[in-house]
């Protein structure tokens, strides 16, 4: 159920169906979900693990827009369990940060 919700949530962001304050709130929800522990491999019942997966499903949907929010990217790449278990994703997000340095974009506060 959170898989579908995460995908829908991410698609709303990807297709610019939320903006301004609502966009900031949506991005914050995804960031907070990503900060939850993914739990031990194979454990699909912990609430924190479910929230983490929600965040991952959502993020996957709007990765193409990450270059628009370099500050948001910097928050994501600082999450320890993402650096440890999802190095490819962190590298991809760091690339989005570098891309954003080439062209200034609006920032969204999510801290």
PDB file of N, CA and C in Angstrom:
ATOM      1  N   UNK A   1       0.811  -1.208   0.000  1.00  0.00           N
ATOM      2  CA  UNK A   1       0.000   0.000   0.000  1.00  0.00           C
ATOM      3  C   UNK A   1       0.854   1.273   0.000  1.00  0.00           C
ATOM      4  N   UNK A   2       1.941   1.274   0.794  1.00  0.00           N
ATOM      5  CA  UNK A   2       2.814   2.455   0.781  1.00  0.00           C
ATOM      6  C   UNK A   2       3.603   2.549  -0.517  1.00  0.00           C
ATOM      7  N   UNK A   3       3.782   1.442  -1.203  1.00  0.00           N
ATOM      8  CA  UNK A   3       4.454   1.475  -2.498  1.00  0.00           C
ATOM      9  C   UNK A   3       3.644   2.317  -3.483  1.00  0.00           C
ATOM     10  N   UNK A   4       2.368   2.047  -3.583  1.00  0.00           N
ATOM     11  CA  UNK A   4       1.504   2.799  -4.501  1.00  0.00           C
ATOM     12  C   UNK A   4       1.421   4.257  -4.070  1.00  0.00           C
ATOM     13  N   UNK A   5       1.285   4.477  -2.777  1.00  0.00           N
ATOM     14  CA  UNK A   5       1.213   5.845  -2.260  1.00  0.00           C
ATOM     15  C   UNK A   5       2.506   6.601  -2.554  1.00  0.00           C
ATOM     16  N   UNK A   6       3.632   5.938  -2.339  1.00  0.00           N
ATOM     17  CA  UNK A   6       4.929   6.570  -2.609  1.00  0.00           C
ATOM     18  C   UNK A   6       5.083   6.922  -4.072  1.00  0.00           C
ATOM     19  N   UNK A   7       4.691   6.009  -4.950  1.00  0.00           N
ATOM     20  CA  UNK A   7       4.783   6.271  -6.393  1.00  0.00           C
ATOM     21  C   UNK A   7       3.880   7.439  -6.775  1.00  0.00           C
ATOM     22  N   UNK A   8       2.648   7.434  -6.277  1.00  0.00           N
ATOM     23  CA  UNK A   8       1.716   8.523  -6.577  1.00  0.00           C
ATOM     24  C   UNK A   8       2.258   9.849  -6.054  1.00  0.00           C
ATOM     25  N   UNK A   9       2.762   9.832  -4.831  1.00  0.00           N
ATOM     26  CA  UNK A   9       3.307  11.040  -4.210  1.00  0.00           C
ATOM     27  C   UNK A   9       4.451  11.597  -5.050  1.00  0.00           C
ATOM     28  N   UNK A  10       5.355  10.713  -5.455  1.00  0.00           N
ATOM     29  CA  UNK A  10       6.490  11.131  -6.271  1.00  0.00           C
ATOM     30  C   UNK A  10       6.068  11.649  -7.631  1.00  0.00           C
ATOM     31  N   UNK A  11       5.041  11.031  -8.217  1.00  0.00           N
ATOM     32  CA  UNK A  11       4.555  11.475  -9.526  1.00  0.00           C
ATOM     33  C   UNK A  11       3.921  12.863  -9.441  1.00  0.00           C
ATOM     34  N   UNK A  12       3.270  13.159  -8.340  1.00  0.00           N
ATOM     35  CA  UNK A  12       2.701  14.503  -8.152  1.00  0.00           C
ATOM     36  C   UNK A  12       3.811  15.552  -8.188  1.00  0.00           C
ATOM     37  N   UNK A  13       4.933  15.219  -7.565  1.00  0.00           N
ATOM     38  CA  UNK A  13       6.085  16.134  -7.572  1.00  0.00           C
ATOM     39  C   UNK A  13       6.699  16.186  -8.968  1.00  0.00           C
ATOM     40  N   UNK A  14       6.913  15.032  -9.577  1.00  0.00           N
ATOM     41  CA  UNK A  14       7.545  14.956 -10.892  1.00  0.00           C
ATOM     42  C   UNK A  14       6.778  15.767 -11.936  1.00  0.00           C
ATOM     43  N   UNK A  15       5.462  15.658 -11.915  1.00  0.00           N
ATOM     44  CA  UNK A  15       4.654  16.303 -12.951  1.00  0.00           C
ATOM     45  C   UNK A  15       4.171  17.691 -12.553  1.00  0.00           C
ATOM     46  N   UNK A  16       4.816  18.254 -11.522  1.00  0.00           N
ATOM     47  CA  UNK A  16       4.570  19.621 -11.081  1.00  0.00           C
ATOM     48  C   UNK A  16       3.107  19.877 -10.729  1.00  0.00           C
ATOM     49  N   UNK A  17       2.471  18.898 -10.100  1.00  0.00           N
ATOM     50  CA  UNK A  17       1.089  19.052  -9.683  1.00  0.00           C
ATOM     51  C   UNK A  17       0.981  19.635  -8.283  1.00  0.00           C
ATOM     52  N   UNK A  18       2.124  19.815  -7.632  1.00  0.00           N
ATOM     53  CA  UNK A  18       2.186  20.548  -6.365  1.00  0.00           C
ATOM     54  C   UNK A  18       3.261  21.615  -6.525  1.00  0.00           C
ATOM     55  N   UNK A  19       3.042  22.764  -5.918  1.00  0.00           N
ATOM     56  CA  UNK A  19       4.020  23.839  -6.052  1.00  0.00           C
ATOM     57  C   UNK A  19       4.045  24.680  -4.782  1.00  0.00           C
ATOM     58  N   UNK A  20       5.022  25.562  -4.724  1.00  0.00           N
ATOM     59  CA  UNK A  20       5.157  26.528  -3.648  1.00  0.00           C
ATOM     60  C   UNK A  20       5.234  25.848  -2.277  1.00  0.00           C
ATOM     61  N   UNK A  21       4.412  26.266  -1.345  1.00  0.00           N
ATOM     62  CA  UNK A  21       4.455  25.758   0.023  1.00  0.00           C
ATOM     63  C   UNK A  21       4.128  24.263   0.050  1.00  0.00           C
ATOM     64  N   UNK A  22       3.149  23.855  -0.749  1.00  0.00           N
ATOM     65  CA  UNK A  22       2.768  22.446  -0.797  1.00  0.00           C
ATOM     66  C   UNK A  22       3.926  21.586  -1.299  1.00  0.00           C
ATOM     67  N   UNK A  23       4.685  22.089  -2.259  1.00  0.00           N
ATOM     68  CA  UNK A  23       5.853  21.362  -2.764  1.00  0.00           C
ATOM     69  C   UNK A  23       6.882  21.196  -1.653  1.00  0.00           C
ATOM     70  N   UNK A  24       7.118  22.252  -0.906  1.00  0.00           N
ATOM     71  CA  UNK A  24       8.069  22.177   0.207  1.00  0.00           C
ATOM     72  C   UNK A  24       7.658  21.141   1.237  1.00  0.00           C
ATOM     73  N   UNK A  25       6.362  21.087   1.538  1.00  0.00           N
ATOM     74  CA  UNK A  25       5.854  20.107   2.497  1.00  0.00           C
ATOM     75  C   UNK A  25       6.012  18.695   1.941  1.00  0.00           C
ATOM     76  N   UNK A  26       5.673  18.508   0.675  1.00  0.00           N
ATOM     77  CA  UNK A  26       5.789  17.189   0.044  1.00  0.00           C
ATOM     78  C   UNK A  26       7.242  16.708   0.056  1.00  0.00           C
ATOM     79  N   UNK A  27       8.158  17.593  -0.301  1.00  0.00           N
ATOM     80  CA  UNK A  27       9.578  17.221  -0.298  1.00  0.00           C
ATOM     81  C   UNK A  27      10.053  16.899   1.113  1.00  0.00           C
ATOM     82  N   UNK A  28       9.556  17.635   2.091  1.00  0.00           N
ATOM     83  CA  UNK A  28       9.937  17.376   3.481  1.00  0.00           C
ATOM     84  C   UNK A  28       9.458  15.997   3.922  1.00  0.00           C
ATOM     85  N   UNK A  29       8.232  15.612   3.522  1.00  0.00           N
ATOM     86  CA  UNK A  29       7.726  14.282   3.876  1.00  0.00           C
ATOM     87  C   UNK A  29       8.623  13.188   3.304  1.00  0.00           C
ATOM     88  N   UNK A  30       9.040  13.363   2.068  1.00  0.00           N
ATOM     89  CA  UNK A  30       9.913  12.365   1.440  1.00  0.00           C
ATOM     90  C   UNK A  30      11.256  12.318   2.172  1.00  0.00           C
ATOM     91  N   UNK A  31      11.813  13.469   2.480  1.00  0.00           N
ATOM     92  CA  UNK A  31      13.095  13.523   3.190  1.00  0.00           C
ATOM     93  C   UNK A  31      12.987  12.846   4.555  1.00  0.00           C
ATOM     94  N   UNK A  32      11.928  13.140   5.287  1.00  0.00           N
ATOM     95  CA  UNK A  32      11.748  12.525   6.602  1.00  0.00           C
ATOM     96  C   UNK A  32      11.598  11.010   6.484  1.00  0.00           C
ATOM     97  N   UNK A  33      10.914  10.539   5.451  1.00  0.00           N
ATOM     98  CA  UNK A  33      10.767   9.096   5.237  1.00  0.00           C
ATOM     99  C   UNK A  33      12.125   8.467   4.935  1.00  0.00           C
ATOM    100  N   UNK A  34      12.945   9.149   4.133  1.00  0.00           N
ATOM    101  CA  UNK A  34      14.270   8.625   3.794  1.00  0.00           C
ATOM    102  C   UNK A  34      15.182   8.571   5.011  1.00  0.00           C
ATOM    103  N   UNK A  35      14.932   9.426   5.983  1.00  0.00           N
ATOM    104  CA  UNK A  35      15.755   9.444   7.196  1.00  0.00           C
ATOM    105  C   UNK A  35      15.434   8.286   8.131  1.00  0.00           C
ATOM    106  N   UNK A  36      14.292   7.644   7.929  1.00  0.00           N
ATOM    107  CA  UNK A  36      13.932   6.484   8.752  1.00  0.00           C
ATOM    108  C   UNK A  36      14.844   5.317   8.393  1.00  0.00           C
ATOM    109  N   UNK A  37      15.104   4.481   9.366  1.00  0.00           N
ATOM    110  CA  UNK A  37      15.961   3.318   9.128  1.00  0.00           C
ATOM    111  C   UNK A  37      15.288   2.355   8.161  1.00  0.00           C
ATOM    112  N   UNK A  38      16.050   1.856   7.179  1.00  0.00           N
ATOM    113  CA  UNK A  38      15.457   0.879   6.262  1.00  0.00           C
ATOM    114  C   UNK A  38      15.203  -0.467   6.932  1.00  0.00           C
ATOM    115  N   UNK A  39      15.743  -0.669   8.114  1.00  0.00           N
ATOM    116  CA  UNK A  39      15.565  -1.937   8.816  1.00  0.00           C
ATOM    117  C   UNK A  39      16.465  -3.009   8.242  1.00  0.00           C
ATOM    118  N   UNK A  40      16.498  -4.157   8.898  1.00  0.00           N
ATOM    119  CA  UNK A  40      17.347  -5.248   8.401  1.00  0.00           C
ATOM    120  C   UNK A  40      16.846  -5.773   7.066  1.00  0.00           C
ATOM    121  N   UNK A  41      17.750  -6.248   6.216  1.00  0.00           N
ATOM    122  CA  UNK A  41      17.344  -6.788   4.914  1.00  0.00           C
ATOM    123  C   UNK A  41      16.309  -7.895   5.080  1.00  0.00           C
ATOM    124  N   UNK A  42      15.282  -7.844   4.242  1.00  0.00           N
ATOM    125  CA  UNK A  42      14.250  -8.870   4.279  1.00  0.00           C
ATOM    126  C   UNK A  42      13.123  -8.587   5.261  1.00  0.00           C
ATOM    127  N   UNK A  43      13.310  -7.608   6.166  1.00  0.00           N
ATOM    128  CA  UNK A  43      12.259  -7.274   7.130  1.00  0.00           C
ATOM    129  C   UNK A  43      11.332  -6.244   6.503  1.00  0.00           C
ATOM    130  N   UNK A  44      10.124  -6.651   6.202  1.00  0.00           N
ATOM    131  CA  UNK A  44       9.183  -5.738   5.550  1.00  0.00           C
ATOM    132  C   UNK A  44       8.067  -5.311   6.490  1.00  0.00           C
ATOM    133  N   UNK A  45       8.217  -5.614   7.785  1.00  0.00           N
ATOM    134  CA  UNK A  45       7.124  -5.320   8.704  1.00  0.00           C
ATOM    135  C   UNK A  45       7.364  -4.118   9.603  1.00  0.00           C
ATOM    136  N   UNK A  46       8.591  -3.652   9.756  1.00  0.00           N
ATOM    137  CA  UNK A  46       8.832  -2.522  10.654  1.00  0.00           C
ATOM    138  C   UNK A  46       8.257  -1.241  10.059  1.00  0.00           C
ATOM    139  N   UNK A  47       7.664  -0.419  10.931  1.00  0.00           N
ATOM    140  CA  UNK A  47       7.075   0.840  10.465  1.00  0.00           C
ATOM    141  C   UNK A  47       8.125   1.764   9.861  1.00  0.00           C
ATOM    142  N   UNK A  48       9.312   1.809  10.490  1.00  0.00           N
ATOM    143  CA  UNK A  48      10.372   2.668   9.958  1.00  0.00           C
ATOM    144  C   UNK A  48      10.810   2.190   8.587  1.00  0.00           C
ATOM    145  N   UNK A  49      10.921   0.868   8.418  1.00  0.00           N
ATOM    146  CA  UNK A  49      11.298   0.311   7.122  1.00  0.00           C
ATOM    147  C   UNK A  49      10.266   0.631   6.055  1.00  0.00           C
ATOM    148  N   UNK A  50       8.997   0.590   6.428  1.00  0.00           N
ATOM    149  CA  UNK A  50       7.924   0.908   5.476  1.00  0.00           C
ATOM    150  C   UNK A  50       7.997   2.375   5.060  1.00  0.00           C
ATOM    151  N   UNK A  51       8.246   3.248   6.036  1.00  0.00           N
ATOM    152  CA  UNK A  51       8.344   4.672   5.707  1.00  0.00           C
ATOM    153  C   UNK A  51       9.544   4.939   4.811  1.00  0.00           C
ATOM    154  N   UNK A  52      10.652   4.268   5.095  1.00  0.00           N
ATOM    155  CA  UNK A  52      11.839   4.431   4.256  1.00  0.00           C
ATOM    156  C   UNK A  52      11.526   4.021   2.820  1.00  0.00           C
ATOM    157  N   UNK A  53      10.862   2.882   2.653  1.00  0.00           N
ATOM    158  CA  UNK A  53      10.517   2.417   1.299  1.00  0.00           C
ATOM    159  C   UNK A  53       9.560   3.392   0.612  1.00  0.00           C
ATOM    160  N   UNK A  54       8.621   3.967   1.366  1.00  0.00           N
ATOM    161  CA  UNK A  54       7.747   5.001   0.816  1.00  0.00           C
ATOM    162  C   UNK A  54       8.598   6.136   0.240  1.00  0.00           C
ATOM    163  N   UNK A  55       9.583   6.588   1.023  1.00  0.00           N
ATOM    164  CA  UNK A  55      10.465   7.671   0.572  1.00  0.00           C
ATOM    165  C   UNK A  55      11.247   7.294  -0.669  1.00  0.00           C
ATOM    166  N   UNK A  56      11.726   6.053  -0.711  1.00  0.00           N
ATOM    167  CA  UNK A  56      12.495   5.599  -1.885  1.00  0.00           C
ATOM    168  C   UNK A  56      11.614   5.518  -3.128  1.00  0.00           C
ATOM    169  N   UNK A  57      10.392   4.995  -2.982  1.00  0.00           N
ATOM    170  CA  UNK A  57       9.479   4.921  -4.128  1.00  0.00           C
ATOM    171  C   UNK A  57       9.151   6.320  -4.631  1.00  0.00           C
ATOM    172  N   UNK A  58       8.902   7.244  -3.715  1.00  0.00           N
ATOM    173  CA  UNK A  58       8.570   8.620  -4.107  1.00  0.00           C
ATOM    174  C   UNK A  58       9.766   9.274  -4.797  1.00  0.00           C
ATOM    175  N   UNK A  59      10.941   9.166  -4.179  1.00  0.00           N
ATOM    176  CA  UNK A  59      12.146   9.789  -4.735  1.00  0.00           C
ATOM    177  C   UNK A  59      12.441   9.279  -6.139  1.00  0.00           C
ATOM    178  N   UNK A  60      12.261   7.995  -6.339  1.00  0.00           N
ATOM    179  CA  UNK A  60      12.525   7.400  -7.651  1.00  0.00           C
ATOM    180  C   UNK A  60      11.694   8.083  -8.750  1.00  0.00           C
ATOM    181  N   UNK A  61      10.504   8.528  -8.389  1.00  0.00           N
ATOM    182  CA  UNK A  61       9.611   9.130  -9.383  1.00  0.00           C
ATOM    183  C   UNK A  61      10.061  10.526  -9.817  1.00  0.00           C
ATOM    184  N   UNK A  62      10.668  11.290  -8.897  1.00  0.00           N
ATOM    185  CA  UNK A  62      11.025  12.667  -9.252  1.00  0.00           C
ATOM    186  C   UNK A  62      12.530  12.934  -9.270  1.00  0.00           C
ATOM    187  N   UNK A  63      13.327  11.871  -9.431  1.00  0.00           N
ATOM    188  CA  UNK A  63      14.789  12.042  -9.493  1.00  0.00           C
ATOM    189  C   UNK A  63      15.212  13.027 -10.574  1.00  0.00           C
ATOM    190  N   UNK A  64      14.478  13.052 -11.683  1.00  0.00           N
ATOM    191  CA  UNK A  64      14.850  13.935 -12.791  1.00  0.00           C
ATOM    192  C   UNK A  64      14.758  15.411 -12.421  1.00  0.00           C
ATOM    193  N   UNK A  65      14.023  15.729 -11.382  1.00  0.00           N
ATOM    194  CA  UNK A  65      13.871  17.129 -10.970  1.00  0.00           C
ATOM    195  C   UNK A  65      14.821  17.527  -9.841  1.00  0.00           C
ATOM    196  N   UNK A  66      15.603  16.591  -9.328  1.00  0.00           N
ATOM    197  CA  UNK A  66      16.444  16.891  -8.173  1.00  0.00           C
ATOM    198  C   UNK A  66      17.416  18.044  -8.421  1.00  0.00           C
ATOM    199  N   UNK A  67      17.867  18.194  -9.665  1.00  0.00           N
ATOM    200  CA  UNK A  67      18.811  19.278  -9.956  1.00  0.00           C
ATOM    201  C   UNK A  67      18.198  20.644  -9.658  1.00  0.00           C
ATOM    202  N   UNK A  68      16.879  20.718  -9.546  1.00  0.00           N
ATOM    203  CA  UNK A  68      16.207  21.990  -9.246  1.00  0.00           C
ATOM    204  C   UNK A  68      16.364  22.387  -7.775  1.00  0.00           C
ATOM    205  N   UNK A  69      16.734  21.411  -6.934  1.00  0.00           N
ATOM    206  CA  UNK A  69      16.796  21.660  -5.496  1.00  0.00           C
ATOM    207  C   UNK A  69      18.118  21.189  -4.909  1.00  0.00           C
ATOM    208  N   UNK A  70      19.210  21.905  -5.156  1.00  0.00           N
ATOM    209  CA  UNK A  70      20.520  21.452  -4.660  1.00  0.00           C
ATOM    210  C   UNK A  70      20.592  21.355  -3.131  1.00  0.00           C
ATOM    211  N   UNK A  71      19.906  22.244  -2.433  1.00  0.00           N
ATOM    212  CA  UNK A  71      19.931  22.182  -0.966  1.00  0.00           C
ATOM    213  C   UNK A  71      19.233  20.904  -0.483  1.00  0.00           C
ATOM    214  N   UNK A  72      18.149  20.547  -1.134  1.00  0.00           N
ATOM    215  CA  UNK A  72      17.432  19.312  -0.819  1.00  0.00           C
ATOM    216  C   UNK A  72      18.343  18.105  -1.054  1.00  0.00           C
ATOM    217  N   UNK A  73      19.037  18.129  -2.162  1.00  0.00           N
ATOM    218  CA  UNK A  73      19.983  17.045  -2.481  1.00  0.00           C
ATOM    219  C   UNK A  73      21.030  16.911  -1.395  1.00  0.00           C
ATOM    220  N   UNK A  74      21.528  18.042  -0.909  1.00  0.00           N
ATOM    221  CA  UNK A  74      22.574  17.984   0.121  1.00  0.00           C
ATOM    222  C   UNK A  74      22.050  17.339   1.394  1.00  0.00           C
ATOM    223  N   UNK A  75      20.771  17.538   1.709  1.00  0.00           N
ATOM    224  CA  UNK A  75      20.183  16.873   2.878  1.00  0.00           C
ATOM    225  C   UNK A  75      20.113  15.364   2.644  1.00  0.00           C
ATOM    226  N   UNK A  76      19.728  14.958   1.450  1.00  0.00           N
ATOM    227  CA  UNK A  76      19.587  13.530   1.151  1.00  0.00           C
ATOM    228  C   UNK A  76      20.936  12.815   1.236  1.00  0.00           C
ATOM    229  N   UNK A  77      21.964  13.398   0.635  1.00  0.00           N
ATOM    230  CA  UNK A  77      23.258  12.693   0.593  1.00  0.00           C
ATOM    231  C   UNK A  77      23.939  12.630   1.955  1.00  0.00           C
ATOM    232  N   UNK A  78      23.427  13.355   2.937  1.00  0.00           N
ATOM    233  CA  UNK A  78      23.999  13.297   4.287  1.00  0.00           C
ATOM    234  C   UNK A  78      23.389  12.180   5.141  1.00  0.00           C
ATOM    235  N   UNK A  79      22.387  11.487   4.623  1.00  0.00           N
ATOM    236  CA  UNK A  79      21.732  10.419   5.393  1.00  0.00           C
ATOM    237  C   UNK A  79      22.664   9.205   5.418  1.00  0.00           C
ATOM    238  N   UNK A  80      23.138   8.816   6.608  1.00  0.00           N
ATOM    239  CA  UNK A  80      24.159   7.757   6.703  1.00  0.00           C
ATOM    240  C   UNK A  80      23.769   6.432   6.036  1.00  0.00           C
ATOM    241  N   UNK A  81      22.559   5.925   6.270  1.00  0.00           N
ATOM    242  CA  UNK A  81      22.218   4.616   5.698  1.00  0.00           C
ATOM    243  C   UNK A  81      22.033   4.676   4.190  1.00  0.00           C
ATOM    244  N   UNK A  82      21.807   5.855   3.619  1.00  0.00           N
ATOM    245  CA  UNK A  82      21.779   5.973   2.154  1.00  0.00           C
ATOM    246  C   UNK A  82      23.197   5.892   1.610  1.00  0.00           C
ATOM    247  N   UNK A  83      24.137   6.564   2.273  1.00  0.00           N
ATOM    248  CA  UNK A  83      25.536   6.516   1.833  1.00  0.00           C
ATOM    249  C   UNK A  83      26.076   5.092   1.900  1.00  0.00           C
ATOM    250  N   UNK A  84      25.647   4.350   2.920  1.00  0.00           N
ATOM    251  CA  UNK A  84      26.165   2.996   3.110  1.00  0.00           C
ATOM    252  C   UNK A  84      25.520   1.982   2.172  1.00  0.00           C
ATOM    253  N   UNK A  85      24.197   2.005   2.082  1.00  0.00           N
ATOM    254  CA  UNK A  85      23.505   0.956   1.351  1.00  0.00           C
ATOM    255  C   UNK A  85      23.037   1.315  -0.045  1.00  0.00           C
ATOM    256  N   UNK A  86      23.107   2.592  -0.387  1.00  0.00           N
ATOM    257  CA  UNK A  86      22.585   3.045  -1.682  1.00  0.00           C
ATOM    258  C   UNK A  86      23.572   4.010  -2.331  1.00  0.00           C
ATOM    259  N   UNK A  87      24.818   3.569  -2.427  1.00  0.00           N
ATOM    260  CA  UNK A  87      25.895   4.428  -2.939  1.00  0.00           C
ATOM    261  C   UNK A  87      25.609   4.920  -4.361  1.00  0.00           C
ATOM    262  N   UNK A  88      25.018   4.069  -5.198  1.00  0.00           N
ATOM    263  CA  UNK A  88      24.707   4.493  -6.575  1.00  0.00           C
ATOM    264  C   UNK A  88      23.712   5.640  -6.582  1.00  0.00           C
ATOM    265  N   UNK A  89      22.704   5.559  -5.717  1.00  0.00           N
ATOM    266  CA  UNK A  89      21.710   6.629  -5.622  1.00  0.00           C
ATOM    267  C   UNK A  89      22.366   7.920  -5.150  1.00  0.00           C
ATOM    268  N   UNK A  90      23.214   7.825  -4.143  1.00  0.00           N
ATOM    269  CA  UNK A  90      23.901   9.010  -3.614  1.00  0.00           C
ATOM    270  C   UNK A  90      24.766   9.638  -4.709  1.00  0.00           C
ATOM    271  N   UNK A  91      25.459   8.818  -5.485  1.00  0.00           N
ATOM    272  CA  UNK A  91      26.280   9.330  -6.590  1.00  0.00           C
ATOM    273  C   UNK A  91      25.415  10.048  -7.617  1.00  0.00           C
ATOM    274  N   UNK A  92      24.271   9.471  -7.915  1.00  0.00           N
ATOM    275  CA  UNK A  92      23.338  10.086  -8.873  1.00  0.00           C
ATOM    276  C   UNK A  92      22.833  11.438  -8.355  1.00  0.00           C
ATOM    277  N   UNK A  93      22.536  11.507  -7.077  1.00  0.00           N
ATOM    278  CA  UNK A  93      22.056  12.759  -6.487  1.00  0.00           C
ATOM    279  C   UNK A  93      23.173  13.800  -6.448  1.00  0.00           C
ATOM    280  N   UNK A  94      24.390  13.353  -6.151  1.00  0.00           N
ATOM    281  CA  UNK A  94      25.525  14.287  -6.162  1.00  0.00           C
ATOM    282  C   UNK A  94      25.741  14.840  -7.571  1.00  0.00           C
ATOM    283  N   UNK A  95      25.515  14.026  -8.586  1.00  0.00           N
ATOM    284  CA  UNK A  95      25.616  14.499  -9.971  1.00  0.00           C
ATOM    285  C   UNK A  95      24.550  15.551 -10.251  1.00  0.00           C
ATOM    286  N   UNK A  96      23.344  15.335  -9.708  1.00  0.00           N
ATOM    287  CA  UNK A  96      22.265  16.314  -9.868  1.00  0.00           C
ATOM    288  C   UNK A  96      22.646  17.635  -9.201  1.00  0.00           C
ATOM    289  N   UNK A  97      23.344  17.538  -8.073  1.00  0.00           N
ATOM    290  CA  UNK A  97      23.797  18.759  -7.385  1.00  0.00           C
ATOM    291  C   UNK A  97      24.796  19.514  -8.248  1.00  0.00           C
ATOM    292  N   UNK A  98      25.712  18.790  -8.871  1.00  0.00           N
ATOM    293  CA  UNK A  98      26.701  19.432  -9.743  1.00  0.00           C
ATOM    294  C   UNK A  98      26.024  20.073 -10.946  1.00  0.00           C
ATOM    295  N   UNK A  99      25.030  19.383 -11.483  1.00  0.00           N
ATOM    296  CA  UNK A  99      24.274  19.913 -12.618  1.00  0.00           C
ATOM    297  C   UNK A  99      23.563  21.209 -12.239  1.00  0.00           C
ATOM    298  N   UNK A 100      23.066  21.264 -11.013  1.00  0.00           N
ATOM    299  CA  UNK A 100      22.345  22.457 -10.582  1.00  0.00           C
ATOM    300  C   UNK A 100      23.280  23.651 -10.422  1.00  0.00           C
ATOM    301  N   UNK A 101      24.560  23.383 -10.158  1.00  0.00           N
ATOM    302  CA  UNK A 101      25.519  24.485 -10.035  1.00  0.00           C
ATOM    303  C   UNK A 101      25.751  25.180 -11.364  1.00  0.00           C
ATOM    304  N   UNK A 102      25.484  24.470 -12.458  1.00  0.00           N
ATOM    305  CA  UNK A 102      25.671  25.046 -13.773  1.00  0.00           C
ATOM    306  C   UNK A 102      24.589  26.078 -14.108  1.00  0.00           C
ATOM    307  N   UNK A 103      23.376  25.861 -13.566  1.00  0.00           N
ATOM    308  CA  UNK A 103      22.269  26.778 -13.828  1.00  0.00           C
ATOM    309  C   UNK A 103      21.546  27.059 -12.522  1.00  0.00           C
ATOM    310  N   UNK A 104      21.474  28.326 -12.090  1.00  0.00           N
ATOM    311  CA  UNK A 104      20.784  28.639 -10.839  1.00  0.00           C
ATOM    312  C   UNK A 104      19.313  28.269 -10.913  1.00  0.00           C
ATOM    313  N   UNK A 105      18.800  27.721  -9.803  1.00  0.00           N
ATOM    314  CA  UNK A 105      17.404  27.323  -9.742  1.00  0.00           C
ATOM    315  C   UNK A 105      16.815  27.787  -8.416  1.00  0.00           C
ATOM    316  N   UNK A 106      15.504  27.868  -8.329  1.00  0.00           N
ATOM    317  CA  UNK A 106      14.881  28.266  -7.071  1.00  0.00           C
ATOM    318  C   UNK A 106      15.116  27.218  -5.991  1.00  0.00           C
ATOM    319  N   UNK A 107      15.203  27.651  -4.753  1.00  0.00           N
ATOM    320  CA  UNK A 107      15.419  26.716  -3.651  1.00  0.00           C
ATOM    321  C   UNK A 107      14.110  26.540  -2.880  1.00  0.00           C
ATOM    322  N   UNK A 108      14.003  25.395  -2.232  1.00  0.00           N
ATOM    323  CA  UNK A 108      12.850  25.077  -1.415  1.00  0.00           C
ATOM    324  C   UNK A 108      13.386  24.709  -0.052  1.00  0.00           C
ATOM    325  N   UNK A 109      12.900  25.343   0.992  1.00  0.00           N
ATOM    326  CA  UNK A 109      13.354  25.050   2.351  1.00  0.00           C
ATOM    327  C   UNK A 109      12.637  23.817   2.873  1.00  0.00           C
ATOM    328  N   UNK A 110      13.419  22.808   3.285  1.00  0.00           N
ATOM    329  CA  UNK A 110      12.835  21.564   3.785  1.00  0.00           C
ATOM    330  C   UNK A 110      13.446  21.118   5.102  1.00  0.00           C
ATOM    331  N   UNK A 111      14.311  21.908   5.714  1.00  0.00           N
ATOM    332  CA  UNK A 111      14.984  21.445   6.935  1.00  0.00           C
ATOM    333  C   UNK A 111      14.065  21.366   8.116  1.00  0.00           C
TER     334      UNK A 111
END
